Amino acid sequence: QTKPPLIVAAAGNDSTDGLILPCSYSGVICVGAHGVDGGLTHFSNFVSGVEVAAPGQNILSTWPMKLRNKIYTD
């Protein structure tokens, strides 16, 4: 018997308490974002369906800062 696929999705970055698709589907692991202090970030969606949090702030990246959207660099 084959197991269903593991589906993990971001909770969203709207700072709301509503689940977005695909997080609202049954069987999807919903992940919020936490900051350097371990608490949820100010932008992460929060709701009882968020099951785990992962680093989501001040992430080291290879994406050049000059190519980032202005909303994230202010």
PDB file of N, CA and C in Angstrom:
ATOM      1  N   GLN A   1       0.846  -1.170   0.000  1.00  0.00           N
ATOM      2  CA  GLN A   1       0.000   0.000   0.000  1.00  0.00           C
ATOM      3  C   GLN A   1       0.896   1.240   0.000  1.00  0.00           C
ATOM      4  N   THR A   2       0.599   2.190  -0.872  1.00  0.00           N
ATOM      5  CA  THR A   2       1.398   3.406  -0.952  1.00  0.00           C
ATOM      6  C   THR A   2       0.836   4.457  -0.012  1.00  0.00           C
ATOM      7  N   LYS A   3       1.737   5.237   0.537  1.00  0.00           N
ATOM      8  CA  LYS A   3       1.348   6.326   1.429  1.00  0.00           C
ATOM      9  C   LYS A   3       1.019   7.556   0.604  1.00  0.00           C
ATOM     10  N   PRO A   4       0.095   8.391   1.090  1.00  0.00           N
ATOM     11  CA  PRO A   4      -0.171   9.643   0.372  1.00  0.00           C
ATOM     12  C   PRO A   4       1.054  10.544   0.450  1.00  0.00           C
ATOM     13  N   PRO A   5       1.222  11.438  -0.513  1.00  0.00           N
ATOM     14  CA  PRO A   5       2.393  12.323  -0.489  1.00  0.00           C
ATOM     15  C   PRO A   5       2.334  13.287   0.698  1.00  0.00           C
ATOM     16  N   LEU A   6       3.499  13.661   1.167  1.00  0.00           N
ATOM     17  CA  LEU A   6       3.604  14.662   2.229  1.00  0.00           C
ATOM     18  C   LEU A   6       3.525  16.036   1.578  1.00  0.00           C
ATOM     19  N   ILE A   7       2.573  16.831   2.015  1.00  0.00           N
ATOM     20  CA  ILE A   7       2.408  18.167   1.453  1.00  0.00           C
ATOM     21  C   ILE A   7       2.610  19.186   2.565  1.00  0.00           C
ATOM     22  N   VAL A   8       3.555  20.100   2.356  1.00  0.00           N
ATOM     23  CA  VAL A   8       3.876  21.152   3.309  1.00  0.00           C
ATOM     24  C   VAL A   8       3.687  22.480   2.586  1.00  0.00           C
ATOM     25  N   ALA A   9       2.989  23.411   3.240  1.00  0.00           N
ATOM     26  CA  ALA A   9       2.697  24.690   2.594  1.00  0.00           C
ATOM     27  C   ALA A   9       2.882  25.843   3.572  1.00  0.00           C
ATOM     28  N   ALA A  10       3.187  27.000   3.033  1.00  0.00           N
ATOM     29  CA  ALA A  10       3.344  28.210   3.838  1.00  0.00           C
ATOM     30  C   ALA A  10       1.985  28.712   4.300  1.00  0.00           C
ATOM     31  N   ALA A  11       1.941  29.199   5.541  1.00  0.00           N
ATOM     32  CA  ALA A  11       0.705  29.736   6.107  1.00  0.00           C
ATOM     33  C   ALA A  11       0.293  31.034   5.429  1.00  0.00           C
ATOM     34  N   GLY A  12       1.242  31.771   4.893  1.00  0.00           N
ATOM     35  CA  GLY A  12       0.973  33.042   4.249  1.00  0.00           C
ATOM     36  C   GLY A  12       1.599  34.190   5.018  1.00  0.00           C
ATOM     37  N   ASN A  13       1.716  35.327   4.378  1.00  0.00           N
ATOM     38  CA  ASN A  13       2.381  36.492   4.962  1.00  0.00           C
ATOM     39  C   ASN A  13       1.465  37.707   5.007  1.00  0.00           C
ATOM     40  N   ASP A  14       0.214  37.475   5.389  1.00  0.00           N
ATOM     41  CA  ASP A  14      -0.760  38.566   5.430  1.00  0.00           C
ATOM     42  C   ASP A  14      -1.094  39.017   6.848  1.00  0.00           C
ATOM     43  N   SER A  15      -0.478  38.418   7.843  1.00  0.00           N
ATOM     44  CA  SER A  15      -0.735  38.730   9.251  1.00  0.00           C
ATOM     45  C   SER A  15      -2.219  38.619   9.595  1.00  0.00           C
ATOM     46  N   THR A  16      -2.859  37.553   9.089  1.00  0.00           N
ATOM     47  CA  THR A  16      -4.275  37.325   9.362  1.00  0.00           C
ATOM     48  C   THR A  16      -4.455  35.999  10.078  1.00  0.00           C
ATOM     49  N   ASP A  17      -5.649  35.783  10.572  1.00  0.00           N
ATOM     50  CA  ASP A  17      -5.932  34.519  11.250  1.00  0.00           C
ATOM     51  C   ASP A  17      -6.715  33.561  10.356  1.00  0.00           C
ATOM     52  N   GLY A  18      -6.651  33.771   9.060  1.00  0.00           N
ATOM     53  CA  GLY A  18      -7.336  32.885   8.117  1.00  0.00           C
ATOM     54  C   GLY A  18      -6.356  31.988   7.381  1.00  0.00           C
ATOM     55  N   LEU A  19      -6.749  30.737   7.188  1.00  0.00           N
ATOM     56  CA  LEU A  19      -5.913  29.815   6.416  1.00  0.00           C
ATOM     57  C   LEU A  19      -6.133  30.053   4.927  1.00  0.00           C
ATOM     58  N   ILE A  20      -5.059  30.013   4.183  1.00  0.00           N
ATOM     59  CA  ILE A  20      -5.145  30.155   2.742  1.00  0.00           C
ATOM     60  C   ILE A  20      -4.911  28.787   2.106  1.00  0.00           C
ATOM     61  N   LEU A  21      -5.253  28.662   0.850  1.00  0.00           N
ATOM     62  CA  LEU A  21      -4.963  27.423   0.124  1.00  0.00           C
ATOM     63  C   LEU A  21      -3.474  27.358  -0.143  1.00  0.00           C
ATOM     64  N   PRO A  22      -2.842  26.251  -0.069  1.00  0.00           N
ATOM     65  CA  PRO A  22      -3.372  24.917   0.193  1.00  0.00           C
ATOM     66  C   PRO A  22      -3.419  24.555   1.676  1.00  0.00           C
ATOM     67  N   CYS A  23      -3.066  25.477   2.569  1.00  0.00           N
ATOM     68  CA  CYS A  23      -3.050  25.152   4.000  1.00  0.00           C
ATOM     69  C   CYS A  23      -4.411  24.724   4.531  1.00  0.00           C
ATOM     70  N   SER A  24      -5.460  25.178   3.928  1.00  0.00           N
ATOM     71  CA  SER A  24      -6.783  24.851   4.444  1.00  0.00           C
ATOM     72  C   SER A  24      -7.244  23.444   4.068  1.00  0.00           C
ATOM     73  N   TYR A  25      -6.502  22.766   3.202  1.00  0.00           N
ATOM     74  CA  TYR A  25      -6.850  21.388   2.845  1.00  0.00           C
ATOM     75  C   TYR A  25      -6.465  20.422   3.955  1.00  0.00           C
ATOM     76  N   SER A  26      -7.265  19.399   4.116  1.00  0.00           N
ATOM     77  CA  SER A  26      -6.983  18.358   5.093  1.00  0.00           C
ATOM     78  C   SER A  26      -5.702  17.619   4.716  1.00  0.00           C
ATOM     79  N   GLY A  27      -4.878  17.325   5.698  1.00  0.00           N
ATOM     80  CA  GLY A  27      -3.660  16.557   5.457  1.00  0.00           C
ATOM     81  C   GLY A  27      -2.455  17.392   5.064  1.00  0.00           C
ATOM     82  N   VAL A  28      -2.615  18.704   4.917  1.00  0.00           N
ATOM     83  CA  VAL A  28      -1.501  19.585   4.560  1.00  0.00           C
ATOM     84  C   VAL A  28      -0.872  20.118   5.846  1.00  0.00           C
ATOM     85  N   ILE A  29       0.449  20.037   5.950  1.00  0.00           N
ATOM     86  CA  ILE A  29       1.168  20.595   7.090  1.00  0.00           C
ATOM     87  C   ILE A  29       1.380  22.083   6.804  1.00  0.00           C
ATOM     88  N   CYS A  30       0.838  22.920   7.671  1.00  0.00           N
ATOM     89  CA  CYS A  30       0.865  24.365   7.473  1.00  0.00           C
ATOM     90  C   CYS A  30       1.993  24.982   8.310  1.00  0.00           C
ATOM     91  N   VAL A  31       2.857  25.778   7.662  1.00  0.00           N
ATOM     92  CA  VAL A  31       4.051  26.320   8.309  1.00  0.00           C
ATOM     93  C   VAL A  31       4.004  27.837   8.360  1.00  0.00           C
ATOM     94  N   GLY A  32       4.121  28.374   9.574  1.00  0.00           N
ATOM     95  CA  GLY A  32       4.235  29.808   9.770  1.00  0.00           C
ATOM     96  C   GLY A  32       5.701  30.214   9.809  1.00  0.00           C
ATOM     97  N   ALA A  33       5.950  31.511   9.902  1.00  0.00           N
ATOM     98  CA  ALA A  33       7.325  32.022   9.939  1.00  0.00           C
ATOM     99  C   ALA A  33       7.643  32.554  11.324  1.00  0.00           C
ATOM    100  N   HIS A  34       8.830  32.201  11.830  1.00  0.00           N
ATOM    101  CA  HIS A  34       9.259  32.787  13.102  1.00  0.00           C
ATOM    102  C   HIS A  34      10.496  33.633  12.890  1.00  0.00           C
ATOM    103  N   GLY A  35      10.683  34.578  13.799  1.00  0.00           N
ATOM    104  CA  GLY A  35      11.820  35.490  13.732  1.00  0.00           C
ATOM    105  C   GLY A  35      13.002  34.966  14.513  1.00  0.00           C
ATOM    106  N   VAL A  36      13.994  35.813  14.649  1.00  0.00           N
ATOM    107  CA  VAL A  36      15.224  35.423  15.338  1.00  0.00           C
ATOM    108  C   VAL A  36      14.997  35.154  16.818  1.00  0.00           C
ATOM    109  N   ASP A  37      13.907  35.717  17.380  1.00  0.00           N
ATOM    110  CA  ASP A  37      13.608  35.483  18.798  1.00  0.00           C
ATOM    111  C   ASP A  37      12.785  34.215  19.023  1.00  0.00           C
ATOM    112  N   GLY A  38      12.394  33.533  17.949  1.00  0.00           N
ATOM    113  CA  GLY A  38      11.619  32.307  18.059  1.00  0.00           C
ATOM    114  C   GLY A  38      10.126  32.521  18.024  1.00  0.00           C
ATOM    115  N   GLY A  39       9.670  33.769  18.153  1.00  0.00           N
ATOM    116  CA  GLY A  39       8.243  34.069  18.080  1.00  0.00           C
ATOM    117  C   GLY A  39       7.798  34.255  16.644  1.00  0.00           C
ATOM    118  N   LEU A  40       6.489  34.123  16.409  1.00  0.00           N
ATOM    119  CA  LEU A  40       5.980  34.353  15.060  1.00  0.00           C
ATOM    120  C   LEU A  40       6.332  35.755  14.594  1.00  0.00           C
ATOM    121  N   THR A  41       6.657  35.887  13.318  1.00  0.00           N
ATOM    122  CA  THR A  41       6.962  37.197  12.754  1.00  0.00           C
ATOM    123  C   THR A  41       5.685  38.034  12.681  1.00  0.00           C
ATOM    124  N   HIS A  42       5.843  39.339  12.549  1.00  0.00           N
ATOM    125  CA  HIS A  42       4.691  40.224  12.474  1.00  0.00           C
ATOM    126  C   HIS A  42       3.871  40.000  11.213  1.00  0.00           C
ATOM    127  N   PHE A  43       4.456  39.409  10.176  1.00  0.00           N
ATOM    128  CA  PHE A  43       3.759  39.228   8.907  1.00  0.00           C
ATOM    129  C   PHE A  43       3.181  37.831   8.719  1.00  0.00           C
ATOM    130  N   SER A  44       3.584  36.872   9.525  1.00  0.00           N
ATOM    131  CA  SER A  44       3.117  35.496   9.347  1.00  0.00           C
ATOM    132  C   SER A  44       1.632  35.376   9.678  1.00  0.00           C
ATOM    133  N   ASN A  45       0.913  34.593   8.874  1.00  0.00           N
ATOM    134  CA  ASN A  45      -0.465  34.288   9.225  1.00  0.00           C
ATOM    135  C   ASN A  45      -0.459  33.417  10.471  1.00  0.00           C
ATOM    136  N   PHE A  46      -1.472  33.571  11.270  1.00  0.00           N
ATOM    137  CA  PHE A  46      -1.570  32.827  12.524  1.00  0.00           C
ATOM    138  C   PHE A  46      -2.996  32.316  12.655  1.00  0.00           C
ATOM    139  N   VAL A  47      -3.125  31.071  12.927  1.00  0.00           N
ATOM    140  CA  VAL A  47      -4.428  30.440  13.093  1.00  0.00           C
ATOM    141  C   VAL A  47      -4.180  29.060  13.674  1.00  0.00           C
ATOM    142  N   SER A  48      -5.190  28.452  14.207  1.00  0.00           N
ATOM    143  CA  SER A  48      -4.996  27.142  14.828  1.00  0.00           C
ATOM    144  C   SER A  48      -4.483  26.093  13.839  1.00  0.00           C
ATOM    145  N   GLY A  49      -4.673  26.306  12.544  1.00  0.00           N
ATOM    146  CA  GLY A  49      -4.202  25.353  11.540  1.00  0.00           C
ATOM    147  C   GLY A  49      -2.709  25.412  11.268  1.00  0.00           C
ATOM    148  N   VAL A  50      -2.021  26.441  11.771  1.00  0.00           N
ATOM    149  CA  VAL A  50      -0.566  26.522  11.615  1.00  0.00           C
ATOM    150  C   VAL A  50       0.047  25.543  12.607  1.00  0.00           C
ATOM    151  N   GLU A  51       0.712  24.531  12.073  1.00  0.00           N
ATOM    152  CA  GLU A  51       1.186  23.433  12.907  1.00  0.00           C
ATOM    153  C   GLU A  51       2.634  23.573  13.362  1.00  0.00           C
ATOM    154  N   VAL A  52       3.423  24.307  12.611  1.00  0.00           N
ATOM    155  CA  VAL A  52       4.844  24.432  12.912  1.00  0.00           C
ATOM    156  C   VAL A  52       5.328  25.767  12.351  1.00  0.00           C
ATOM    157  N   ALA A  53       6.408  26.270  12.921  1.00  0.00           N
ATOM    158  CA  ALA A  53       7.005  27.509  12.407  1.00  0.00           C
ATOM    159  C   ALA A  53       8.443  27.229  12.001  1.00  0.00           C
ATOM    160  N   ALA A  54       8.876  27.916  10.971  1.00  0.00           N
ATOM    161  CA  ALA A  54      10.236  27.774  10.457  1.00  0.00           C
ATOM    162  C   ALA A  54      10.854  29.162  10.342  1.00  0.00           C
ATOM    163  N   PRO A  55      12.190  29.251  10.323  1.00  0.00           N
ATOM    164  CA  PRO A  55      12.823  30.563  10.175  1.00  0.00           C
ATOM    165  C   PRO A  55      12.273  31.312   8.966  1.00  0.00           C
ATOM    166  N   GLY A  56      11.898  32.569   9.177  1.00  0.00           N
ATOM    167  CA  GLY A  56      11.317  33.342   8.096  1.00  0.00           C
ATOM    168  C   GLY A  56      11.744  34.790   8.083  1.00  0.00           C
ATOM    169  N   GLN A  57      12.726  35.134   8.879  1.00  0.00           N
ATOM    170  CA  GLN A  57      13.172  36.520   8.954  1.00  0.00           C
ATOM    171  C   GLN A  57      14.687  36.544   9.012  1.00  0.00           C
ATOM    172  N   ASN A  58      15.294  37.513   8.311  1.00  0.00           N
ATOM    173  CA  ASN A  58      16.759  37.637   8.253  1.00  0.00           C
ATOM    174  C   ASN A  58      17.416  36.347   7.767  1.00  0.00           C
ATOM    175  N   ILE A  59      16.897  35.808   6.674  1.00  0.00           N
ATOM    176  CA  ILE A  59      17.405  34.573   6.098  1.00  0.00           C
ATOM    177  C   ILE A  59      18.544  34.895   5.131  1.00  0.00           C
ATOM    178  N   LEU A  60      19.662  34.250   5.321  1.00  0.00           N
ATOM    179  CA  LEU A  60      20.786  34.404   4.403  1.00  0.00           C
ATOM    180  C   LEU A  60      20.410  33.786   3.060  1.00  0.00           C
ATOM    181  N   SER A  61      20.617  34.514   1.992  1.00  0.00           N
ATOM    182  CA  SER A  61      20.185  34.070   0.679  1.00  0.00           C
ATOM    183  C   SER A  61      21.229  34.415  -0.369  1.00  0.00           C
ATOM    184  N   THR A  62      21.182  33.712  -1.471  1.00  0.00           N
ATOM    185  CA  THR A  62      22.056  34.027  -2.600  1.00  0.00           C
ATOM    186  C   THR A  62      21.369  34.983  -3.578  1.00  0.00           C
ATOM    187  N   TRP A  63      20.100  35.352  -3.310  1.00  0.00           N
ATOM    188  CA  TRP A  63      19.372  36.281  -4.163  1.00  0.00           C
ATOM    189  C   TRP A  63      19.897  37.694  -3.923  1.00  0.00           C
ATOM    190  N   PRO A  64      20.350  38.395  -4.977  1.00  0.00           N
ATOM    191  CA  PRO A  64      20.921  39.734  -4.807  1.00  0.00           C
ATOM    192  C   PRO A  64      19.905  40.727  -4.235  1.00  0.00           C
ATOM    193  N   MET A  65      20.307  41.499  -3.246  1.00  0.00           N
ATOM    194  CA  MET A  65      19.428  42.476  -2.605  1.00  0.00           C
ATOM    195  C   MET A  65      18.876  43.488  -3.609  1.00  0.00           C
ATOM    196  N   LYS A  66      19.671  43.873  -4.609  1.00  0.00           N
ATOM    197  CA  LYS A  66      19.203  44.877  -5.562  1.00  0.00           C
ATOM    198  C   LYS A  66      18.061  44.362  -6.440  1.00  0.00           C
ATOM    199  N   LEU A  67      17.856  43.035  -6.482  1.00  0.00           N
ATOM    200  CA  LEU A  67      16.761  42.473  -7.267  1.00  0.00           C
ATOM    201  C   LEU A  67      15.508  42.227  -6.437  1.00  0.00           C
ATOM    202  N   ARG A  68      15.590  42.456  -5.127  1.00  0.00           N
ATOM    203  CA  ARG A  68      14.433  42.229  -4.266  1.00  0.00           C
ATOM    204  C   ARG A  68      13.399  43.324  -4.460  1.00  0.00           C
ATOM    205  N   ASN A  69      12.178  42.960  -4.222  1.00  0.00           N
ATOM    206  CA  ASN A  69      11.067  43.892  -4.280  1.00  0.00           C
ATOM    207  C   ASN A  69      11.282  44.956  -3.207  1.00  0.00           C
ATOM    208  N   LYS A  70      10.966  46.190  -3.476  1.00  0.00           N
ATOM    209  CA  LYS A  70      11.199  47.293  -2.537  1.00  0.00           C
ATOM    210  C   LYS A  70      10.472  47.107  -1.221  1.00  0.00           C
ATOM    211  N   ILE A  71       9.305  46.467  -1.225  1.00  0.00           N
ATOM    212  CA  ILE A  71       8.544  46.297   0.003  1.00  0.00           C
ATOM    213  C   ILE A  71       9.322  45.500   1.042  1.00  0.00           C
ATOM    214  N   TYR A  72      10.210  44.606   0.628  1.00  0.00           N
ATOM    215  CA  TYR A  72      10.962  43.782   1.556  1.00  0.00           C
ATOM    216  C   TYR A  72      12.300  44.386   1.978  1.00  0.00           C
ATOM    217  N   THR A  73      12.741  45.428   1.299  1.00  0.00           N
ATOM    218  CA  THR A  73      14.034  46.016   1.633  1.00  0.00           C
ATOM    219  C   THR A  73      13.893  47.284   2.453  1.00  0.00           C
ATOM    220  N   ASP A  74      12.682  47.798   2.627  1.00  0.00           N
ATOM    221  CA  ASP A  74      12.474  49.020   3.401  1.00  0.00           C
ATOM    222  C   ASP A  74      12.580  48.739   4.889  1.00  0.00           C
TER     223      ASP A  74
END
